[in-house]
Protein backbone atom coordinates (compact mmCIF):
# COMPACT_ATOMS: atom_id res chain seq x y z
CA MET A 1 166.39 133.82 26.20
CA GLN A 2 165.10 130.50 27.51
CA PRO A 3 163.69 130.32 31.04
CA PRO A 4 165.79 128.17 33.38
CA VAL A 5 164.89 124.50 33.44
CA ILE A 6 163.60 123.48 36.84
CA PRO A 7 164.34 119.86 37.70
CA PRO A 8 161.34 117.78 38.74
CA ARG A 9 160.63 117.76 42.45
CA TYR A 10 158.42 114.68 42.30
CA LEU A 11 158.68 111.51 40.24
CA ARG A 12 155.96 109.05 39.26
CA THR A 13 156.47 105.36 40.06
CA ARG A 14 158.19 104.49 36.78
CA GLU A 15 160.66 107.38 36.99
CA ALA A 16 161.27 106.77 40.71
CA ALA A 17 162.02 103.11 40.00
CA MET A 18 164.51 104.10 37.30
CA PHE A 19 166.14 106.55 39.72
CA LEU A 20 166.58 103.73 42.27
CA GLY A 21 167.53 101.06 39.74
CA LEU A 22 164.45 98.97 40.54
CA SER A 23 161.58 97.74 38.45
CA PRO A 24 158.32 99.67 38.83
CA ARG A 25 156.67 96.49 40.13
CA THR A 26 159.28 96.12 42.89
CA LEU A 27 158.68 99.71 43.96
CA GLU A 28 154.92 99.05 43.97
CA LYS A 29 155.49 96.02 46.22
CA HIS A 30 157.59 98.10 48.59
CA ARG A 31 154.74 100.61 48.73
CA THR A 32 152.17 97.88 49.41
CA TYR A 33 154.21 96.26 52.19
CA GLY A 34 155.35 99.51 53.78
CA THR A 35 159.03 98.80 53.18
CA GLY A 36 159.69 101.45 50.55
CA PRO A 37 160.35 105.16 50.42
CA ILE A 38 157.80 107.72 51.56
CA TYR A 39 155.30 108.62 48.85
CA ARG A 40 152.49 111.10 48.35
CA LYS A 41 149.24 111.04 46.45
CA LEU A 42 148.59 114.13 44.37
CA GLY A 43 145.28 114.07 42.57
CA GLY A 44 145.10 110.31 43.04
CA ARG A 45 148.56 109.78 41.54
CA VAL A 46 151.43 108.32 43.52
CA VAL A 47 154.53 110.50 43.47
CA TYR A 48 157.89 110.35 45.23
CA ALA A 49 159.99 113.33 46.31
CA LEU A 50 163.58 113.08 45.11
CA ALA A 51 164.87 113.74 48.64
CA ASP A 52 162.76 110.87 50.03
CA LEU A 53 164.08 108.47 47.37
CA GLN A 54 167.66 109.45 48.12
CA GLN A 55 167.12 109.11 51.88
CA TRP A 56 165.59 105.64 51.47
CA ALA A 57 168.45 104.52 49.22
CA ASP A 58 171.01 105.93 51.66
CA SER A 59 169.42 103.97 54.51
CA GLY A 60 170.90 100.85 52.92
CA THR A 61 174.47 102.18 52.91
CA VAL A 62 177.04 99.74 54.30
CA SER A 63 180.82 99.81 54.50
CA SER A 64 181.39 96.08 54.95
CA THR A 65 179.44 92.85 54.65
CA SER A 66 180.42 92.07 58.25
CA ASP A 67 179.33 95.46 59.65
CA PRO A 68 176.95 94.60 62.53
CA ASN A 69 175.55 98.15 62.56
CA SER A 70 174.62 98.19 58.91
CA LYS A 71 171.11 99.30 58.02
CA THR A 72 169.83 97.48 55.00
CA VAL A 73 166.91 98.37 52.82
CA ARG A 74 164.27 95.78 53.57
CA PRO A 75 163.05 93.46 50.81
CA ALA A 76 159.71 93.99 49.15
CA ALA A 77 157.87 91.26 51.05
CA PRO A 78 155.17 91.27 53.68
CA GLN A 79 156.70 91.29 57.14
CA HIS A 80 154.82 88.14 58.24
CA GLN A 81 156.30 86.20 55.29
CA ALA A 82 159.80 87.49 56.02
CA ALA A 83 159.45 86.35 59.65
CA ARG A 84 158.36 82.87 58.54
CA ARG A 85 161.39 82.53 56.27
CA LYS A 86 163.74 83.24 59.18
CA ALA A 87 162.14 80.53 61.33
């Protein structure tokens, strides 16, 4: 009898990016700029909890393009650059 397969609790950057449908580089940029999902460092390696990835993705849920209360996932760009683009 095989032991039950336990799904991974944490994903490395590449697997987390696949889970979110992003490139690993985009996820790295989000991490650098503080706009991405919560991450942890275990033994010097960056890992993401599945629940944190899902929560971050859900924070961008909208029901309409005209919904004024929509919360969008911020782009992977430094906040000072994003502010300059709006000006």
